[in-house]
Amino acid sequence: MFWRSRGRRRFGKKMGGYGLFFWRDPFWEPRVWLRRMFRIAFMLLILAITVPPALVLVYRDFAPPGTLLMVFRMFEGEGIRKEWKPLEKISRHMPAAVIVMEDNLFCEHDGFDWAAIFEAAADQVRGEGALRGGSTISQQTSKNVFLWPGRTFVRKGLEVPFTYMIEWAWGKRRIMEVYLNVIEWGPGIYGVEAASRHYFGKSAGRLTRREAALLAAILPNPRRWSASNPTTRIKRRANLAQARMRDIGLLAACAR
């Protein structure tokens, strides 16, 4: 035992000051590996605690460079068309259109539409369909910017802290700005500026009420539907959006 202990001290000294971390003991001792696993787990825990809030604070003032969905689509062979557009340079009709179609209570809730969530949970208990959203614009933003696409319980669970963080750190106006700039609006099309140019050949700042309604109408399935060549179903959805937009008033005030 004395010889082994002295050998470990010499080994640590040979490695310089690093003997206190990974190289203090010989590789073949199981307790060394266990100690390393604990250290690695501790470092990963620290990263998991500190990195997400740091990213939230960074993206409060800087545009996210991309999303995991964009990366996945690239590996599938798609290109990326996107151009960041500040909210003040986006047509005022666009926030109103996505609010009436995606999240009527956007300006009022704390990030979650609890009634819709409980309804979705009840459907699961009754066995009435697959796991579905009840997702607010805030939840969709946190998913797009910080998480991966999918409908698993793990991913939905991780939305919760991110959604609360962006609600607290960003506020509604910034959430809407990021949302409009990162969501998928067609194969390889991300953000309202790229969508506006693709479907209507104009900047997002020049979108009319009808065009904004058409863009919002295709959001449930933008890879299948087209805003410039709408089906009868999309036209009906756009008509509904336009009707609601005329009466939205204060419901969209936080996003202007």
Protein backbone atom coordinates (compact mmCIF):
# COMPACT_ATOMS: atom_id res chain seq x y z
CA MET A 1 0.00 0.00 0.00
CA PHE A 2 2.83 2.36 0.86
CA TRP A 3 4.53 1.71 -2.49
CA ARG A 4 1.27 2.28 -4.45
CA SER A 5 0.49 5.49 -2.60
CA ARG A 6 3.99 6.84 -3.21
CA GLY A 7 3.69 5.87 -6.88
CA ARG A 8 0.51 7.83 -7.25
CA ARG A 9 2.16 10.91 -5.72
CA ARG A 10 5.07 10.62 -8.17
CA PHE A 11 2.62 10.16 -11.09
CA GLY A 12 0.74 13.31 -10.11
CA LYS A 13 3.96 15.32 -9.82
CA LYS A 14 5.15 14.20 -13.24
CA MET A 15 2.00 15.58 -14.81
CA GLY A 16 2.53 18.99 -13.28
CA GLY A 17 -0.29 20.63 -11.37
CA TYR A 18 -2.84 18.49 -13.21
CA GLY A 19 -2.45 15.63 -10.75
CA LEU A 20 -5.36 17.03 -8.74
CA PHE A 21 -7.81 16.48 -11.59
CA PHE A 22 -7.83 13.56 -14.04
CA TRP A 23 -4.30 12.16 -13.80
CA ARG A 24 -3.65 11.74 -10.11
CA ASP A 25 -4.19 7.97 -10.00
CA PRO A 26 -3.32 5.16 -12.44
CA PHE A 27 -5.87 4.40 -15.10
CA TRP A 28 -6.56 0.84 -14.02
CA GLU A 29 -8.14 1.63 -10.63
CA PRO A 30 -11.99 1.46 -10.79
CA ARG A 31 -12.42 4.08 -8.09
CA VAL A 32 -10.57 6.56 -10.30
CA TRP A 33 -13.08 6.06 -13.09
CA LEU A 34 -15.95 6.46 -10.65
CA ARG A 35 -14.43 9.69 -9.39
CA ARG A 36 -14.07 10.92 -12.97
CA MET A 37 -17.69 10.09 -13.73
CA PHE A 38 -18.79 12.14 -10.75
CA ARG A 39 -16.63 15.06 -11.86
CA ILE A 40 -17.90 14.90 -15.44
CA ALA A 41 -21.50 14.67 -14.22
CA PHE A 42 -20.91 17.66 -11.95
CA MET A 43 -19.46 19.72 -14.81
CA LEU A 44 -22.36 18.78 -17.08
CA LEU A 45 -24.80 19.79 -14.34
CA ILE A 46 -23.10 23.17 -13.99
CA LEU A 47 -23.27 23.67 -17.76
CA ALA A 48 -26.94 22.66 -17.84
CA ILE A 49 -27.71 25.20 -15.13
CA THR A 50 -25.67 28.13 -16.46
CA VAL A 51 -25.77 27.88 -20.27
CA PRO A 52 -29.56 28.16 -20.88
CA PRO A 53 -29.99 31.41 -18.89
CA ALA A 54 -26.87 32.80 -20.53
CA LEU A 55 -28.26 32.07 -24.01
CA VAL A 56 -31.59 33.65 -23.07
CA LEU A 57 -29.81 36.84 -21.99
CA VAL A 58 -27.64 36.89 -25.13
CA TYR A 59 -30.62 36.44 -27.47
CA ARG A 60 -32.46 39.24 -25.69
CA ASP A 61 -30.24 41.68 -27.58
CA PHE A 62 -28.77 39.63 -30.43
CA ALA A 63 -30.45 37.65 -33.20
CA PRO A 64 -30.21 33.85 -32.83
CA PRO A 65 -27.87 32.58 -35.57
CA GLY A 66 -30.07 29.61 -36.35
CA THR A 67 -32.11 26.76 -34.90
CA LEU A 68 -31.75 23.00 -34.57
CA LEU A 69 -34.61 22.60 -37.04
CA MET A 70 -32.56 24.47 -39.64
CA VAL A 71 -29.64 22.12 -38.98
CA PHE A 72 -31.84 19.05 -39.35
CA ARG A 73 -33.31 20.36 -42.60
CA MET A 74 -29.80 21.03 -43.93
CA PHE A 75 -28.85 17.40 -43.31
CA GLU A 76 -31.98 16.46 -45.25
CA GLY A 77 -30.60 18.39 -48.22
CA GLU A 78 -32.53 21.66 -47.93
CA GLY A 79 -31.06 25.13 -48.14
CA ILE A 80 -31.74 27.99 -45.77
CA ARG A 81 -33.37 31.27 -46.74
CA LYS A 82 -33.64 33.69 -43.86
CA GLU A 83 -33.10 37.35 -43.16
CA TRP A 84 -33.56 38.99 -39.77
CA LYS A 85 -36.10 41.81 -39.75
CA PRO A 86 -36.69 44.05 -36.69
CA LEU A 87 -40.29 44.12 -35.54
CA GLU A 88 -40.69 47.79 -36.38
CA LYS A 89 -39.86 46.99 -40.02
CA ILE A 90 -42.46 44.19 -40.24
CA SER A 91 -46.01 45.03 -41.30
CA ARG A 92 -48.23 45.71 -38.29
CA HIS A 93 -50.70 43.21 -39.74
CA MET A 94 -48.32 40.29 -39.26
CA PRO A 95 -48.23 40.14 -35.43
CA ALA A 96 -52.01 40.54 -35.35
CA ALA A 97 -52.46 37.72 -37.87
CA VAL A 98 -50.35 35.18 -35.97
CA ILE A 99 -51.96 36.13 -32.66
CA VAL A 100 -55.50 35.55 -33.87
CA MET A 101 -54.55 32.27 -35.55
CA GLU A 102 -51.99 30.85 -33.13
CA ASP A 103 -52.44 32.40 -29.68
CA ASN A 104 -55.38 34.69 -28.88
CA LEU A 105 -54.20 35.24 -25.30
CA PHE A 106 -50.59 36.06 -26.20
CA CYS A 107 -50.65 39.47 -24.50
CA GLU A 108 -52.39 38.18 -21.39
CA HIS A 109 -50.84 34.84 -20.39
CA ASP A 110 -47.56 34.12 -18.60
CA GLY A 111 -46.29 31.98 -21.45
CA PHE A 112 -48.81 29.15 -21.16
CA ASP A 113 -52.45 28.74 -22.11
CA TRP A 114 -53.31 26.46 -19.22
CA ALA A 115 -56.85 25.78 -20.41
CA ALA A 116 -55.54 24.47 -23.74
CA ILE A 117 -52.85 22.43 -21.98
CA PHE A 118 -55.35 20.77 -19.65
CA GLU A 119 -57.62 20.04 -22.60
CA ALA A 120 -54.74 18.39 -24.46
CA ALA A 121 -53.83 16.38 -21.35
CA ALA A 122 -57.45 15.26 -20.99
CA ASP A 123 -57.44 14.08 -24.60
CA GLN A 124 -54.38 11.98 -23.82
CA VAL A 125 -56.02 10.41 -20.79
CA ARG A 126 -59.10 9.58 -22.87
CA GLY A 127 -56.87 8.21 -25.64
CA GLU A 128 -58.19 10.68 -28.18
CA GLY A 129 -55.20 11.21 -30.44
CA ALA A 130 -51.47 11.82 -30.33
CA LEU A 131 -49.65 14.20 -28.04
CA ARG A 132 -50.61 17.67 -29.19
CA GLY A 133 -49.83 21.19 -28.36
CA GLY A 134 -51.94 23.82 -26.78
CA SER A 135 -48.66 25.62 -27.49
CA THR A 136 -48.53 29.38 -27.20
CA ILE A 137 -46.35 31.64 -29.31
CA SER A 138 -43.97 31.86 -26.34
CA GLN A 139 -43.69 28.06 -26.18
CA GLN A 140 -43.15 27.80 -29.92
CA THR A 141 -40.43 30.44 -29.72
CA SER A 142 -38.59 28.66 -26.90
CA LYS A 143 -38.86 25.35 -28.78
CA ASN A 144 -37.58 26.81 -32.05
CA VAL A 145 -34.68 28.77 -30.59
CA PHE A 146 -33.42 26.48 -27.82
CA LEU A 147 -34.75 22.97 -28.42
CA TRP A 148 -35.28 20.39 -31.14
CA PRO A 149 -38.40 19.56 -33.17
CA GLY A 150 -40.61 16.79 -31.90
CA ARG A 151 -43.60 16.00 -29.71
CA THR A 152 -42.02 13.96 -26.93
CA PHE A 153 -42.80 14.55 -23.27
CA VAL A 154 -39.11 15.31 -22.62
CA ARG A 155 -39.03 18.11 -25.17
CA LYS A 156 -42.37 19.49 -24.01
CA GLY A 157 -41.08 19.41 -20.44
CA LEU A 158 -37.96 21.37 -21.33
CA GLU A 159 -40.14 24.06 -22.90
CA VAL A 160 -41.36 25.07 -19.46
CA PRO A 161 -38.20 26.67 -18.00
CA PHE A 162 -37.21 28.22 -21.32
CA THR A 163 -40.67 29.71 -21.78
CA TYR A 164 -40.68 31.23 -18.32
CA MET A 165 -37.17 32.59 -18.86
CA ILE A 166 -37.97 34.35 -22.14
CA GLU A 167 -41.22 35.73 -20.72
CA TRP A 168 -39.24 37.23 -17.85
CA ALA A 169 -36.10 38.33 -19.73
CA TRP A 170 -37.45 39.28 -23.17
CA GLY A 171 -41.01 40.45 -22.80
CA LYS A 172 -43.82 40.03 -25.31
CA ARG A 173 -42.50 42.35 -27.99
CA ARG A 174 -39.12 40.62 -28.21
CA ILE A 175 -40.77 37.18 -28.16
CA MET A 176 -42.93 38.17 -31.13
CA GLU A 177 -39.92 39.59 -32.98
CA VAL A 178 -37.89 36.39 -32.53
CA TYR A 179 -40.88 34.19 -33.34
CA LEU A 180 -41.58 35.93 -36.64
CA ASN A 181 -37.91 35.66 -37.60
CA VAL A 182 -37.22 31.98 -36.85
CA ILE A 183 -40.35 29.94 -37.60
CA GLU A 184 -40.49 27.73 -40.67
CA TRP A 185 -42.70 29.06 -43.46
CA GLY A 186 -41.97 26.48 -46.11
CA PRO A 187 -39.15 24.16 -47.23
CA GLY A 188 -35.95 26.06 -46.51
CA ILE A 189 -37.86 29.28 -45.70
CA TYR A 190 -37.40 30.74 -42.22
CA GLY A 191 -38.77 33.99 -40.91
CA VAL A 192 -41.36 36.40 -42.22
CA GLU A 193 -38.96 38.34 -44.45
CA ALA A 194 -37.94 35.25 -46.44
CA ALA A 195 -41.57 34.09 -46.53
CA SER A 196 -42.84 37.44 -47.77
CA ARG A 197 -40.28 37.58 -50.56
CA HIS A 198 -40.88 33.95 -51.53
CA TYR A 199 -44.69 34.08 -51.64
CA PHE A 200 -45.39 37.71 -52.58
CA GLY A 201 -42.14 39.14 -53.95
CA LYS A 202 -41.99 41.98 -51.44
CA SER A 203 -40.48 42.92 -48.10
CA ALA A 204 -42.28 41.98 -44.90
CA GLY A 205 -42.78 45.65 -44.15
CA ARG A 206 -45.13 45.98 -47.14
CA LEU A 207 -47.43 43.04 -46.39
CA THR A 208 -51.13 43.82 -46.63
CA ARG A 209 -53.74 42.57 -44.18
CA ARG A 210 -54.77 39.83 -46.65
CA GLU A 211 -51.18 38.69 -47.26
CA ALA A 212 -50.46 38.58 -43.52
CA ALA A 213 -53.63 36.53 -43.01
CA LEU A 214 -52.56 34.09 -45.73
CA LEU A 215 -49.12 33.66 -44.17
CA ALA A 216 -50.65 33.01 -40.76
CA ALA A 217 -53.18 30.60 -42.30
CA ILE A 218 -50.49 28.19 -43.54
CA LEU A 219 -48.53 27.97 -40.27
CA PRO A 220 -50.02 24.66 -39.08
CA ASN A 221 -48.44 22.96 -42.11
CA PRO A 222 -46.20 25.40 -44.03
CA ARG A 223 -44.33 22.62 -45.82
CA ARG A 224 -47.54 21.47 -47.49
CA TRP A 225 -49.56 24.67 -47.94
CA SER A 226 -48.75 27.78 -49.94
CA ALA A 227 -49.68 31.38 -49.17
CA SER A 228 -49.36 32.44 -52.81
CA ASN A 229 -51.38 29.51 -54.17
CA PRO A 230 -53.91 28.87 -51.40
CA THR A 231 -56.36 26.01 -51.37
CA THR A 232 -60.01 26.52 -50.49
CA ARG A 233 -59.22 25.54 -46.92
CA ILE A 234 -56.43 28.12 -46.66
CA LYS A 235 -58.66 30.82 -48.11
CA ARG A 236 -61.27 30.07 -45.47
CA ARG A 237 -58.65 30.24 -42.73
CA ALA A 238 -57.35 33.54 -44.12
CA ASN A 239 -60.88 34.96 -44.25
CA LEU A 240 -61.32 33.99 -40.60
CA ALA A 241 -58.00 35.60 -39.69
CA GLN A 242 -58.94 38.85 -41.44
CA ALA A 243 -62.29 38.99 -39.67
CA ARG A 244 -60.66 38.49 -36.30
CA MET A 245 -57.87 40.98 -37.03
CA ARG A 246 -60.38 43.78 -37.48
CA ASP A 247 -61.62 43.27 -33.93
CA ILE A 248 -58.42 42.30 -32.16
CA GLY A 249 -57.67 45.73 -30.64
CA LEU A 250 -55.80 45.47 -27.35
CA LEU A 251 -55.27 41.74 -27.74
CA ALA A 252 -52.27 42.51 -29.97
CA ALA A 253 -51.13 45.76 -28.36
CA CYS A 254 -48.15 44.15 -26.60
CA ALA A 255 -46.63 43.09 -29.94
CA ARG A 256 -46.60 46.50 -31.57
